[in-house]
Amino acid sequence: MIEHIAYILVGITLLVWSADRFTDGAAAVAQNFGVSRLIVGLTIVAIGSSAPEIFVSILDSFKTCAPDVENCGPEVAIGNAIGSNITNVALVLGITALVKPLLINSGMIKREIPILFVVSFAVLYFFWDLRLSHIEGIILLSSLVAYFIWLVHMGIKSRATNDRMLEEIVDELPEQMSSPKAIFWLFLGLVLLVVSSKILIVGASGFALQMGVSETLIGLTIVALGTSLPELAASISAVLKNEHEIAIGNVVGSNIFNLLGVLGIPAVIAAPMVEKEILTIDYPVMFGLCILLAVLAYGIRGPGKINRLAGAILLAAFIGYYIVRVF
């Protein structure tokens, strides 16, 4: 068991570090080729922040299982996608709001939240038969492409209105670097993302087997917590710089990406089964947190905000969810 825990810790640490290197390199390469800083921020950096979940999803979809293991499939990937969404809202925004209350004025964020609800309903419909089919995976990935096209279009359109979140996205871009250095970090980050994802999956699968629990549960908890660390670090860093919109924008965008991309990949590759507990426990929790996020973002009286009380409630909800789910 100690060996599997070590695999998980090493995998998560290397995964987070390599995701940062990959994002820095990819963003610099794109800018060196003349891509707009706004487009780089809305696409490449957004994808990079979800790189841990993406690569875990890909590697888990291609894993080989022992002959005596029943219902083998990309269970870690499914659990990771839903667990990361729960962690992003409850833990990431909860802790961030405790550090400093979040004020939400960006029209861009308020246009993305309805998309999050539409995507959440669509995935719920796909989950209803406890399976994600290849066709459903194609629909999810196609929707992800459409989402990015819409995001860039609205970003360019909203830039003229001086949307605060878009200004913060451009300001937070990684430092520019020479093309050789950027390419080096891009490929090193890519290779290490693959290696660290494999290490994490081996550790998570082995740990689940020894503990007698499902890989989905490990994906929902340990793996989701680890892969959400970049969002936590980015949100705290942003709010300390008074970049409130980017702190919550990271979470909303990441949650949409997880539902469309991180679930879409294993669906296309392996058409996995979905545990009933996902539908009866985890998805309702995720959806309830989405509703709470929308209420806070739009504001009941006045502008949207997540104050310290709301942050404490979110964090308490996260702790309560973990206790119920694990014990």
C-alpha atoms as a PDB file:
ATOM      1  CA  MET A   1       0.000   0.000   0.000  1.00  0.00           C
ATOM      2  CA  ILE A   2       2.873   2.387   0.805  1.00  0.00           C
ATOM      3  CA  GLU A   3       4.184   1.840  -2.710  1.00  0.00           C
ATOM      4  CA  HIS A   4       0.838   2.835  -4.230  1.00  0.00           C
ATOM      5  CA  ILE A   5       0.585   5.937  -2.023  1.00  0.00           C
ATOM      6  CA  ALA A   6       4.094   6.916  -3.131  1.00  0.00           C
ATOM      7  CA  TYR A   7       3.060   6.472  -6.769  1.00  0.00           C
ATOM      8  CA  ILE A   8       0.037   8.724  -6.209  1.00  0.00           C
ATOM      9  CA  LEU A   9       2.056  11.467  -4.485  1.00  0.00           C
ATOM     10  CA  VAL A  10       4.860  11.409  -7.063  1.00  0.00           C
ATOM     11  CA  GLY A  11       2.344  11.289  -9.912  1.00  0.00           C
ATOM     12  CA  ILE A  12       0.345  14.273  -8.640  1.00  0.00           C
ATOM     13  CA  THR A  13       3.455  16.366  -7.898  1.00  0.00           C
ATOM     14  CA  LEU A  14       5.010  15.701 -11.295  1.00  0.00           C
ATOM     15  CA  LEU A  15       1.649  16.148 -13.026  1.00  0.00           C
ATOM     16  CA  VAL A  16       1.095  19.633 -11.589  1.00  0.00           C
ATOM     17  CA  TRP A  17       4.675  20.744 -12.338  1.00  0.00           C
ATOM     18  CA  SER A  18       4.682  19.406 -15.903  1.00  0.00           C
ATOM     19  CA  ALA A  19       1.284  21.014 -16.634  1.00  0.00           C
ATOM     20  CA  ASP A  20       2.761  24.416 -15.761  1.00  0.00           C
ATOM     21  CA  ARG A  21       5.807  23.838 -17.996  1.00  0.00           C
ATOM     22  CA  PHE A  22       3.605  22.614 -20.850  1.00  0.00           C
ATOM     23  CA  THR A  23       1.322  25.648 -20.583  1.00  0.00           C
ATOM     24  CA  ASP A  24       4.213  28.130 -20.419  1.00  0.00           C
ATOM     25  CA  GLY A  25       5.877  26.570 -23.451  1.00  0.00           C
ATOM     26  CA  ALA A  26       2.700  26.278 -25.519  1.00  0.00           C
ATOM     27  CA  ALA A  27       1.644  29.861 -24.749  1.00  0.00           C
ATOM     28  CA  ALA A  28       5.077  31.226 -25.672  1.00  0.00           C
ATOM     29  CA  VAL A  29       5.237  29.227 -28.921  1.00  0.00           C
ATOM     30  CA  ALA A  30       1.799  30.508 -29.950  1.00  0.00           C
ATOM     31  CA  GLN A  31       2.719  34.118 -29.203  1.00  0.00           C
ATOM     32  CA  ASN A  32       6.006  33.764 -31.091  1.00  0.00           C
ATOM     33  CA  PHE A  33       3.968  32.701 -34.127  1.00  0.00           C
ATOM     34  CA  GLY A  34       1.864  35.852 -33.829  1.00  0.00           C
ATOM     35  CA  VAL A  35      -1.252  34.482 -32.129  1.00  0.00           C
ATOM     36  CA  SER A  36      -3.161  37.166 -30.203  1.00  0.00           C
ATOM     37  CA  ARG A  37      -2.469  37.250 -26.458  1.00  0.00           C
ATOM     38  CA  LEU A  38      -6.211  37.198 -25.781  1.00  0.00           C
ATOM     39  CA  ILE A  39      -6.726  34.067 -27.888  1.00  0.00           C
ATOM     40  CA  VAL A  40      -3.714  32.417 -26.234  1.00  0.00           C
ATOM     41  CA  GLY A  41      -5.215  33.162 -22.820  1.00  0.00           C
ATOM     42  CA  LEU A  42      -8.704  31.963 -23.725  1.00  0.00           C
ATOM     43  CA  THR A  43      -7.581  28.715 -25.370  1.00  0.00           C
ATOM     44  CA  ILE A  44      -4.038  27.479 -24.726  1.00  0.00           C
ATOM     45  CA  VAL A  45      -3.779  28.626 -21.115  1.00  0.00           C
ATOM     46  CA  ALA A  46      -7.330  27.385 -20.444  1.00  0.00           C
ATOM     47  CA  ILE A  47      -6.470  23.956 -21.861  1.00  0.00           C
ATOM     48  CA  GLY A  48      -3.198  23.931 -19.937  1.00  0.00           C
ATOM     49  CA  SER A  49      -4.957  24.483 -16.615  1.00  0.00           C
ATOM     50  CA  SER A  50      -6.987  21.327 -17.286  1.00  0.00           C
ATOM     51  CA  ALA A  51      -4.003  19.376 -18.653  1.00  0.00           C
ATOM     52  CA  PRO A  52      -3.747  17.120 -15.557  1.00  0.00           C
ATOM     53  CA  GLU A  53      -7.363  15.969 -15.949  1.00  0.00           C
ATOM     54  CA  ILE A  54      -6.964  15.574 -19.723  1.00  0.00           C
ATOM     55  CA  PHE A  55      -3.894  13.357 -19.578  1.00  0.00           C
ATOM     56  CA  VAL A  56      -5.227  11.263 -16.707  1.00  0.00           C
ATOM     57  CA  SER A  57      -8.360  10.743 -18.815  1.00  0.00           C
ATOM     58  CA  ILE A  58      -6.391   9.704 -21.911  1.00  0.00           C
ATOM     59  CA  LEU A  59      -4.005   7.338 -20.113  1.00  0.00           C
ATOM     60  CA  ASP A  60      -6.795   5.795 -18.033  1.00  0.00           C
ATOM     61  CA  SER A  61      -8.821   5.128 -21.193  1.00  0.00           C
ATOM     62  CA  PHE A  62      -5.975   3.109 -22.706  1.00  0.00           C
ATOM     63  CA  LYS A  63      -4.981   1.177 -19.587  1.00  0.00           C
ATOM     64  CA  THR A  64      -4.838  -2.619 -19.591  1.00  0.00           C
ATOM     65  CA  CYS A  65      -6.505  -4.544 -16.787  1.00  0.00           C
ATOM     66  CA  ALA A  66      -5.818  -7.858 -15.129  1.00  0.00           C
ATOM     67  CA  PRO A  67      -8.023 -10.747 -16.344  1.00  0.00           C
ATOM     68  CA  ASP A  68      -9.550 -11.215 -12.871  1.00  0.00           C
ATOM     69  CA  VAL A  69     -10.666  -7.570 -12.565  1.00  0.00           C
ATOM     70  CA  GLU A  70     -14.365  -7.051 -13.267  1.00  0.00           C
ATOM     71  CA  ASN A  71     -15.915  -3.942 -14.806  1.00  0.00           C
ATOM     72  CA  CYS A  72     -12.525  -2.618 -15.811  1.00  0.00           C
ATOM     73  CA  GLY A  73     -12.571   0.683 -17.648  1.00  0.00           C
ATOM     74  CA  PRO A  74     -11.584   4.333 -17.337  1.00  0.00           C
ATOM     75  CA  GLU A  75     -13.200   4.623 -13.908  1.00  0.00           C
ATOM     76  CA  VAL A  76     -10.519   6.989 -12.603  1.00  0.00           C
ATOM     77  CA  ALA A  77     -11.199   9.345 -15.528  1.00  0.00           C
ATOM     78  CA  ILE A  78     -14.960   9.416 -14.896  1.00  0.00           C
ATOM     79  CA  GLY A  79     -14.504   9.992 -11.182  1.00  0.00           C
ATOM     80  CA  ASN A  80     -11.815  12.607 -11.802  1.00  0.00           C
ATOM     81  CA  ALA A  81     -14.053  14.694 -14.074  1.00  0.00           C
ATOM     82  CA  ILE A  82     -16.965  14.862 -11.618  1.00  0.00           C
ATOM     83  CA  GLY A  83     -14.755  15.043  -8.530  1.00  0.00           C
ATOM     84  CA  SER A  84     -12.701  17.892  -9.992  1.00  0.00           C
ATOM     85  CA  ASN A  85     -15.874  19.898 -10.631  1.00  0.00           C
ATOM     86  CA  ILE A  86     -16.976  19.408  -7.035  1.00  0.00           C
ATOM     87  CA  THR A  87     -13.492  20.284  -5.772  1.00  0.00           C
ATOM     88  CA  ASN A  88     -13.220  23.370  -7.988  1.00  0.00           C
ATOM     89  CA  VAL A  89     -16.410  24.966  -6.663  1.00  0.00           C
ATOM     90  CA  ALA A  90     -16.443  23.791  -3.053  1.00  0.00           C
ATOM     91  CA  LEU A  91     -12.745  23.676  -2.157  1.00  0.00           C
ATOM     92  CA  VAL A  92     -11.049  26.058  -4.600  1.00  0.00           C
ATOM     93  CA  LEU A  93     -13.623  28.864  -4.427  1.00  0.00           C
ATOM     94  CA  GLY A  94     -14.253  28.177  -0.738  1.00  0.00           C
ATOM     95  CA  ILE A  95     -10.612  28.622   0.257  1.00  0.00           C
ATOM     96  CA  THR A  96     -10.126  31.513  -2.184  1.00  0.00           C
ATOM     97  CA  ALA A  97     -13.101  33.406  -0.727  1.00  0.00           C
ATOM     98  CA  LEU A  98     -11.766  32.844   2.797  1.00  0.00           C
ATOM     99  CA  VAL A  99      -8.445  34.350   1.724  1.00  0.00           C
ATOM    100  CA  LYS A 100     -10.227  37.336   0.174  1.00  0.00           C
ATOM    101  CA  PRO A 101     -13.916  37.821  -0.748  1.00  0.00           C
ATOM    102  CA  LEU A 102     -14.591  37.565  -4.485  1.00  0.00           C
ATOM    103  CA  LEU A 103     -16.428  40.280  -6.400  1.00  0.00           C
ATOM    104  CA  ILE A 104     -17.959  39.230  -9.735  1.00  0.00           C
ATOM    105  CA  ASN A 105     -18.719  41.882 -12.335  1.00  0.00           C
ATOM    106  CA  SER A 106     -17.601  40.197 -15.567  1.00  0.00           C
ATOM    107  CA  GLY A 107     -20.329  39.777 -18.177  1.00  0.00           C
ATOM    108  CA  MET A 108     -18.225  37.026 -19.755  1.00  0.00           C
ATOM    109  CA  ILE A 109     -18.485  34.850 -16.637  1.00  0.00           C
ATOM    110  CA  LYS A 110     -22.238  35.397 -16.410  1.00  0.00           C
ATOM    111  CA  ARG A 111     -22.591  34.229 -20.022  1.00  0.00           C
ATOM    112  CA  GLU A 112     -20.542  31.085 -19.337  1.00  0.00           C
ATOM    113  CA  ILE A 113     -22.570  29.936 -16.333  1.00  0.00           C
ATOM    114  CA  PRO A 114     -25.716  29.150 -18.424  1.00  0.00           C
ATOM    115  CA  ILE A 115     -23.466  27.099 -20.723  1.00  0.00           C
ATOM    116  CA  LEU A 116     -22.267  25.160 -17.674  1.00  0.00           C
ATOM    117  CA  PHE A 117     -25.902  24.352 -16.823  1.00  0.00           C
ATOM    118  CA  VAL A 118     -26.737  23.246 -20.374  1.00  0.00           C
ATOM    119  CA  VAL A 119     -23.670  20.995 -20.473  1.00  0.00           C
ATOM    120  CA  SER A 120     -24.485  19.601 -17.014  1.00  0.00           C
ATOM    121  CA  PHE A 121     -28.016  18.665 -18.115  1.00  0.00           C
ATOM    122  CA  ALA A 122     -26.665  17.047 -21.299  1.00  0.00           C
ATOM    123  CA  VAL A 123     -24.158  14.921 -19.380  1.00  0.00           C
ATOM    124  CA  LEU A 124     -26.867  13.938 -16.884  1.00  0.00           C
ATOM    125  CA  TYR A 125     -28.967  12.699 -19.810  1.00  0.00           C
ATOM    126  CA  PHE A 126     -25.988  10.740 -21.165  1.00  0.00           C
ATOM    127  CA  PHE A 127     -25.326   9.226 -17.720  1.00  0.00           C
ATOM    128  CA  TRP A 128     -28.941   8.114 -17.271  1.00  0.00           C
ATOM    129  CA  ASP A 129     -28.390   4.654 -18.767  1.00  0.00           C
ATOM    130  CA  LEU A 130     -25.173   4.293 -16.711  1.00  0.00           C
ATOM    131  CA  ARG A 131     -22.977   4.313 -19.798  1.00  0.00           C
ATOM    132  CA  LEU A 132     -21.210   6.830 -22.011  1.00  0.00           C
ATOM    133  CA  SER A 133     -21.366   5.692 -25.638  1.00  0.00           C
ATOM    134  CA  HIS A 134     -18.928   6.475 -28.443  1.00  0.00           C
ATOM    135  CA  ILE A 135     -21.534   8.714 -30.098  1.00  0.00           C
ATOM    136  CA  GLU A 136     -22.072  10.633 -26.863  1.00  0.00           C
ATOM    137  CA  GLY A 137     -18.325  11.088 -26.581  1.00  0.00           C
ATOM    138  CA  ILE A 138     -18.179  12.524 -30.095  1.00  0.00           C
ATOM    139  CA  ILE A 139     -21.026  14.901 -29.205  1.00  0.00           C
ATOM    140  CA  LEU A 140     -19.180  16.047 -26.074  1.00  0.00           C
ATOM    141  CA  LEU A 141     -15.876  16.651 -27.884  1.00  0.00           C
ATOM    142  CA  SER A 142     -17.624  18.411 -30.779  1.00  0.00           C
ATOM    143  CA  SER A 143     -19.384  20.618 -28.244  1.00  0.00           C
ATOM    144  CA  LEU A 144     -16.005  21.413 -26.693  1.00  0.00           C
ATOM    145  CA  VAL A 145     -14.717  22.657 -30.055  1.00  0.00           C
ATOM    146  CA  ALA A 146     -17.884  24.738 -30.490  1.00  0.00           C
ATOM    147  CA  TYR A 147     -17.439  26.131 -26.971  1.00  0.00           C
ATOM    148  CA  PHE A 148     -13.900  27.296 -27.725  1.00  0.00           C
ATOM    149  CA  ILE A 149     -15.028  28.927 -30.975  1.00  0.00           C
ATOM    150  CA  TRP A 150     -17.787  30.740 -29.066  1.00  0.00           C
ATOM    151  CA  LEU A 151     -15.339  31.675 -26.305  1.00  0.00           C
ATOM    152  CA  VAL A 152     -12.896  33.297 -28.722  1.00  0.00           C
ATOM    153  CA  HIS A 153     -15.711  35.075 -30.596  1.00  0.00           C
ATOM    154  CA  MET A 154     -17.249  36.452 -27.404  1.00  0.00           C
ATOM    155  CA  GLY A 155     -13.831  37.288 -26.002  1.00  0.00           C
ATOM    156  CA  ILE A 156     -12.944  39.440 -28.995  1.00  0.00           C
ATOM    157  CA  LYS A 157     -16.406  41.023 -28.925  1.00  0.00           C
ATOM    158  CA  SER A 158     -16.331  41.697 -25.177  1.00  0.00           C
ATOM    159  CA  ARG A 159     -12.774  43.063 -25.270  1.00  0.00           C
ATOM    160  CA  ALA A 160     -14.199  46.256 -26.770  1.00  0.00           C
ATOM    161  CA  THR A 161     -16.317  46.726 -23.630  1.00  0.00           C
ATOM    162  CA  ASN A 162     -13.225  46.450 -21.395  1.00  0.00           C
ATOM    163  CA  ASP A 163     -14.462  43.293 -19.678  1.00  0.00           C
ATOM    164  CA  ARG A 164     -12.356  42.984 -16.540  1.00  0.00           C
ATOM    165  CA  MET A 165     -11.889  39.219 -16.758  1.00  0.00           C
ATOM    166  CA  LEU A 166     -10.450  39.428 -20.279  1.00  0.00           C
ATOM    167  CA  GLU A 167      -7.982  42.098 -19.189  1.00  0.00           C
ATOM    168  CA  GLU A 168      -6.912  39.889 -16.283  1.00  0.00           C
ATOM    169  CA  ILE A 169      -6.464  36.872 -18.587  1.00  0.00           C
ATOM    170  CA  VAL A 170      -4.052  38.820 -20.800  1.00  0.00           C
ATOM    171  CA  ASP A 171      -2.194  40.232 -17.778  1.00  0.00           C
ATOM    172  CA  GLU A 172      -1.719  36.737 -16.329  1.00  0.00           C
ATOM    173  CA  LEU A 173      -0.127  35.200 -19.439  1.00  0.00           C
ATOM    174  CA  PRO A 174       3.222  33.466 -18.801  1.00  0.00           C
ATOM    175  CA  GLU A 175       6.368  35.459 -19.501  1.00  0.00           C
ATOM    176  CA  GLN A 176       7.492  35.485 -23.104  1.00  0.00           C
ATOM    177  CA  MET A 177      10.542  33.372 -23.999  1.00  0.00           C
ATOM    178  CA  SER A 178      12.619  32.497 -27.048  1.00  0.00           C
ATOM    179  CA  SER A 179      11.256  29.892 -29.461  1.00  0.00           C
ATOM    180  CA  PRO A 180      13.926  27.220 -28.710  1.00  0.00           C
ATOM    181  CA  LYS A 181      13.307  27.552 -24.964  1.00  0.00           C
ATOM    182  CA  ALA A 182       9.532  27.547 -25.450  1.00  0.00           C
ATOM    183  CA  ILE A 183       9.650  24.414 -27.623  1.00  0.00           C
ATOM    184  CA  PHE A 184      11.898  22.700 -25.062  1.00  0.00           C
ATOM    185  CA  TRP A 185       9.424  23.339 -22.216  1.00  0.00           C
ATOM    186  CA  LEU A 186       6.489  22.409 -24.438  1.00  0.00           C
ATOM    187  CA  PHE A 187       7.863  18.966 -25.287  1.00  0.00           C
ATOM    188  CA  LEU A 188       9.343  18.302 -21.840  1.00  0.00           C
ATOM    189  CA  GLY A 189       6.017  19.205 -20.251  1.00  0.00           C
ATOM    190  CA  LEU A 190       4.159  16.979 -22.717  1.00  0.00           C
ATOM    191  CA  VAL A 191       6.396  13.965 -22.065  1.00  0.00           C
ATOM    192  CA  LEU A 192       6.224  14.395 -18.300  1.00  0.00           C
ATOM    193  CA  LEU A 193       2.445  14.814 -18.423  1.00  0.00           C
ATOM    194  CA  VAL A 194       2.192  11.387 -20.040  1.00  0.00           C
ATOM    195  CA  VAL A 195       4.664   9.792 -17.619  1.00  0.00           C
ATOM    196  CA  SER A 196       3.155  11.358 -14.489  1.00  0.00           C
ATOM    197  CA  SER A 197      -0.399  10.465 -15.557  1.00  0.00           C
ATOM    198  CA  LYS A 198       0.662   6.845 -15.980  1.00  0.00           C
ATOM    199  CA  ILE A 199       2.333   6.839 -12.557  1.00  0.00           C
ATOM    200  CA  LEU A 200      -0.769   8.339 -10.951  1.00  0.00           C
ATOM    201  CA  ILE A 201      -3.131   5.847 -12.602  1.00  0.00           C
ATOM    202  CA  VAL A 202      -0.985   2.857 -11.581  1.00  0.00           C
ATOM    203  CA  GLY A 203      -0.908   4.136  -8.004  1.00  0.00           C
ATOM    204  CA  ALA A 204      -4.624   4.949  -7.901  1.00  0.00           C
ATOM    205  CA  SER A 205      -5.661   1.600  -9.402  1.00  0.00           C
ATOM    206  CA  GLY A 206      -3.413  -0.356  -7.051  1.00  0.00           C
ATOM    207  CA  PHE A 207      -4.568   1.615  -4.018  1.00  0.00           C
ATOM    208  CA  ALA A 208      -8.227   1.069  -4.914  1.00  0.00           C
ATOM    209  CA  LEU A 209      -7.644  -2.676  -5.346  1.00  0.00           C
ATOM    210  CA  GLN A 210      -5.893  -3.021  -1.982  1.00  0.00           C
ATOM    211  CA  MET A 211      -8.475  -0.905  -0.145  1.00  0.00           C
ATOM    212  CA  GLY A 212     -11.354  -2.794  -1.729  1.00  0.00           C
ATOM    213  CA  VAL A 213     -12.989   0.336  -3.151  1.00  0.00           C
ATOM    214  CA  SER A 214     -13.798   1.328  -6.713  1.00  0.00           C
ATOM    215  CA  GLU A 215     -11.364   3.256  -8.890  1.00  0.00           C
ATOM    216  CA  THR A 216     -14.184   5.731  -9.469  1.00  0.00           C
ATOM    217  CA  LEU A 217     -14.121   6.670  -5.772  1.00  0.00           C
ATOM    218  CA  ILE A 218     -10.350   7.193  -5.887  1.00  0.00           C
ATOM    219  CA  GLY A 219     -10.822   9.365  -8.973  1.00  0.00           C
ATOM    220  CA  LEU A 220     -13.570  11.365  -7.231  1.00  0.00           C
ATOM    221  CA  THR A 221     -11.435  12.058  -4.175  1.00  0.00           C
ATOM    222  CA  ILE A 222      -7.647  11.647  -4.193  1.00  0.00           C
ATOM    223  CA  VAL A 223      -7.040  12.122  -7.919  1.00  0.00           C
ATOM    224  CA  ALA A 224      -9.572  14.962  -8.241  1.00  0.00           C
ATOM    225  CA  LEU A 225      -7.989  16.772  -5.303  1.00  0.00           C
ATOM    226  CA  GLY A 226      -4.528  16.414  -6.831  1.00  0.00           C
ATOM    227  CA  THR A 227      -5.475  17.499 -10.347  1.00  0.00           C
ATOM    228  CA  SER A 228      -7.368  20.533  -8.983  1.00  0.00           C
ATOM    229  CA  LEU A 229      -4.280  21.944  -7.268  1.00  0.00           C
ATOM    230  CA  PRO A 230      -3.378  24.167 -10.283  1.00  0.00           C
ATOM    231  CA  GLU A 231      -6.824  25.809 -10.121  1.00  0.00           C
ATOM    232  CA  LEU A 232      -6.441  26.353  -6.366  1.00  0.00           C
ATOM    233  CA  ALA A 233      -3.004  27.939  -6.736  1.00  0.00           C
ATOM    234  CA  ALA A 234      -4.114  30.082  -9.695  1.00  0.00           C
ATOM    235  CA  SER A 235      -7.274  31.309  -7.946  1.00  0.00           C
ATOM    236  CA  ILE A 236      -5.512  32.256  -4.704  1.00  0.00           C
ATOM    237  CA  SER A 237      -2.738  33.991  -6.654  1.00  0.00           C
ATOM    238  CA  ALA A 238      -5.319  35.882  -8.726  1.00  0.00           C
ATOM    239  CA  VAL A 239      -7.429  37.101  -5.811  1.00  0.00           C
ATOM    240  CA  LEU A 240      -4.331  38.330  -3.958  1.00  0.00           C
ATOM    241  CA  LYS A 241      -3.687  40.532  -7.011  1.00  0.00           C
ATOM    242  CA  ASN A 242      -7.327  41.721  -6.925  1.00  0.00           C
ATOM    243  CA  GLU A 243      -8.031  39.740 -10.107  1.00  0.00           C
ATOM    244  CA  HIS A 244     -11.367  38.443  -8.819  1.00  0.00           C
ATOM    245  CA  GLU A 245     -12.908  37.623 -12.194  1.00  0.00           C
ATOM    246  CA  ILE A 246     -10.097  35.355 -13.323  1.00  0.00           C
ATOM    247  CA  ALA A 247     -10.272  33.452 -10.026  1.00  0.00           C
ATOM    248  CA  ILE A 248     -13.881  32.410 -10.628  1.00  0.00           C
ATOM    249  CA  GLY A 249     -13.515  32.340 -14.416  1.00  0.00           C
ATOM    250  CA  ASN A 250     -10.852  29.634 -14.076  1.00  0.00           C
ATOM    251  CA  VAL A 251     -13.303  27.460 -12.157  1.00  0.00           C
ATOM    252  CA  VAL A 252     -16.287  27.940 -14.487  1.00  0.00           C
ATOM    253  CA  GLY A 253     -14.188  27.318 -17.603  1.00  0.00           C
ATOM    254  CA  SER A 254     -12.452  24.309 -16.073  1.00  0.00           C
ATOM    255  CA  ASN A 255     -15.781  22.729 -15.077  1.00  0.00           C
ATOM    256  CA  ILE A 256     -17.161  23.102 -18.602  1.00  0.00           C
ATOM    257  CA  PHE A 257     -13.950  21.618 -19.989  1.00  0.00           C
ATOM    258  CA  ASN A 258     -14.097  18.665 -17.577  1.00  0.00           C
ATOM    259  CA  LEU A 259     -17.646  17.740 -18.596  1.00  0.00           C
ATOM    260  CA  LEU A 260     -17.020  18.078 -22.328  1.00  0.00           C
ATOM    261  CA  GLY A 261     -13.386  17.063 -22.728  1.00  0.00           C
ATOM    262  CA  VAL A 262     -12.374  14.928 -19.759  1.00  0.00           C
ATOM    263  CA  LEU A 263     -15.589  12.868 -20.067  1.00  0.00           C
ATOM    264  CA  GLY A 264     -15.642  12.985 -23.865  1.00  0.00           C
ATOM    265  CA  ILE A 265     -12.208  11.383 -24.273  1.00  0.00           C
ATOM    266  CA  PRO A 266     -12.917   8.092 -22.415  1.00  0.00           C
ATOM    267  CA  ALA A 267     -16.362   7.920 -24.042  1.00  0.00           C
ATOM    268  CA  VAL A 268     -14.852   8.020 -27.536  1.00  0.00           C
ATOM    269  CA  ILE A 269     -12.036   5.599 -26.675  1.00  0.00           C
ATOM    270  CA  ALA A 270     -13.687   3.079 -24.355  1.00  0.00           C
ATOM    271  CA  ALA A 271     -17.447   3.786 -23.983  1.00  0.00           C
ATOM    272  CA  PRO A 272     -17.243   3.279 -20.196  1.00  0.00           C
ATOM    273  CA  MET A 273     -19.875   2.198 -17.726  1.00  0.00           C
ATOM    274  CA  VAL A 274     -20.884   4.769 -15.097  1.00  0.00           C
ATOM    275  CA  GLU A 275     -21.351   3.699 -11.476  1.00  0.00           C
ATOM    276  CA  LYS A 276     -24.853   4.207 -10.108  1.00  0.00           C
ATOM    277  CA  GLU A 277     -23.453   6.196  -7.155  1.00  0.00           C
ATOM    278  CA  ILE A 278     -22.210   8.836  -9.604  1.00  0.00           C
ATOM    279  CA  LEU A 279     -25.804   9.411 -10.668  1.00  0.00           C
ATOM    280  CA  THR A 280     -27.362   9.227  -7.198  1.00  0.00           C
ATOM    281  CA  ILE A 281     -24.723  10.926  -5.027  1.00  0.00           C
ATOM    282  CA  ASP A 282     -21.938  12.752  -6.835  1.00  0.00           C
ATOM    283  CA  TYR A 283     -23.796  14.332  -9.733  1.00  0.00           C
ATOM    284  CA  PRO A 284     -26.519  15.829  -7.506  1.00  0.00           C
ATOM    285  CA  VAL A 285     -23.776  17.318  -5.302  1.00  0.00           C
ATOM    286  CA  MET A 286     -22.011  18.756  -8.345  1.00  0.00           C
ATOM    287  CA  PHE A 287     -25.256  20.166  -9.729  1.00  0.00           C
ATOM    288  CA  GLY A 288     -26.249  21.646  -6.380  1.00  0.00           C
ATOM    289  CA  LEU A 289     -22.894  23.425  -6.187  1.00  0.00           C
ATOM    290  CA  CYS A 290     -23.463  24.775  -9.723  1.00  0.00           C
ATOM    291  CA  ILE A 291     -26.789  26.260  -8.597  1.00  0.00           C
ATOM    292  CA  LEU A 292     -25.156  27.836  -5.540  1.00  0.00           C
ATOM    293  CA  LEU A 293     -22.359  29.233  -7.724  1.00  0.00           C
ATOM    294  CA  ALA A 294     -24.903  30.778 -10.103  1.00  0.00           C
ATOM    295  CA  VAL A 295     -26.822  32.412  -7.241  1.00  0.00           C
ATOM    296  CA  LEU A 296     -23.604  33.870  -5.829  1.00  0.00           C
ATOM    297  CA  ALA A 297     -22.282  34.985  -9.230  1.00  0.00           C
ATOM    298  CA  TYR A 298     -25.429  36.800 -10.334  1.00  0.00           C
ATOM    299  CA  GLY A 299     -26.138  38.211  -6.894  1.00  0.00           C
ATOM    300  CA  ILE A 300     -29.486  38.411  -5.119  1.00  0.00           C
ATOM    301  CA  ARG A 301     -29.177  42.049  -4.112  1.00  0.00           C
ATOM    302  CA  GLY A 302     -26.525  43.979  -5.974  1.00  0.00           C
ATOM    303  CA  PRO A 303     -23.445  42.650  -7.802  1.00  0.00           C
ATOM    304  CA  GLY A 304     -22.335  39.051  -7.534  1.00  0.00           C
ATOM    305  CA  LYS A 305     -19.921  38.163  -4.769  1.00  0.00           C
ATOM    306  CA  ILE A 306     -18.611  35.244  -2.755  1.00  0.00           C
ATOM    307  CA  ASN A 307     -17.922  36.554   0.752  1.00  0.00           C
ATOM    308  CA  ARG A 308     -16.120  34.753   3.562  1.00  0.00           C
ATOM    309  CA  LEU A 309     -19.363  33.294   4.936  1.00  0.00           C
ATOM    310  CA  ALA A 310     -20.183  31.797   1.532  1.00  0.00           C
ATOM    311  CA  GLY A 311     -16.592  30.555   1.297  1.00  0.00           C
ATOM    312  CA  ALA A 312     -16.924  28.839   4.674  1.00  0.00           C
ATOM    313  CA  ILE A 313     -20.205  27.219   3.575  1.00  0.00           C
ATOM    314  CA  LEU A 314     -18.582  25.946   0.370  1.00  0.00           C
ATOM    315  CA  LEU A 315     -15.607  24.540   2.273  1.00  0.00           C
ATOM    316  CA  ALA A 316     -17.899  22.893   4.842  1.00  0.00           C
ATOM    317  CA  ALA A 317     -19.894  21.350   1.983  1.00  0.00           C
ATOM    318  CA  PHE A 318     -16.672  19.935   0.534  1.00  0.00           C
ATOM    319  CA  ILE A 319     -15.609  18.416   3.853  1.00  0.00           C
ATOM    320  CA  GLY A 320     -19.091  17.003   4.403  1.00  0.00           C
ATOM    321  CA  TYR A 321     -19.126  15.469   0.930  1.00  0.00           C
ATOM    322  CA  TYR A 322     -15.761  13.789   1.515  1.00  0.00           C
ATOM    323  CA  ILE A 323     -16.869  12.372   4.862  1.00  0.00           C
ATOM    324  CA  VAL A 324     -20.091  10.950   3.407  1.00  0.00           C
ATOM    325  CA  ARG A 325     -18.438   9.620   0.248  1.00  0.00           C
ATOM    326  CA  VAL A 326     -15.358   8.065   1.811  1.00  0.00           C
ATOM    327  CA  PHE A 327     -16.723   6.780   5.116  1.00  0.00           C
END
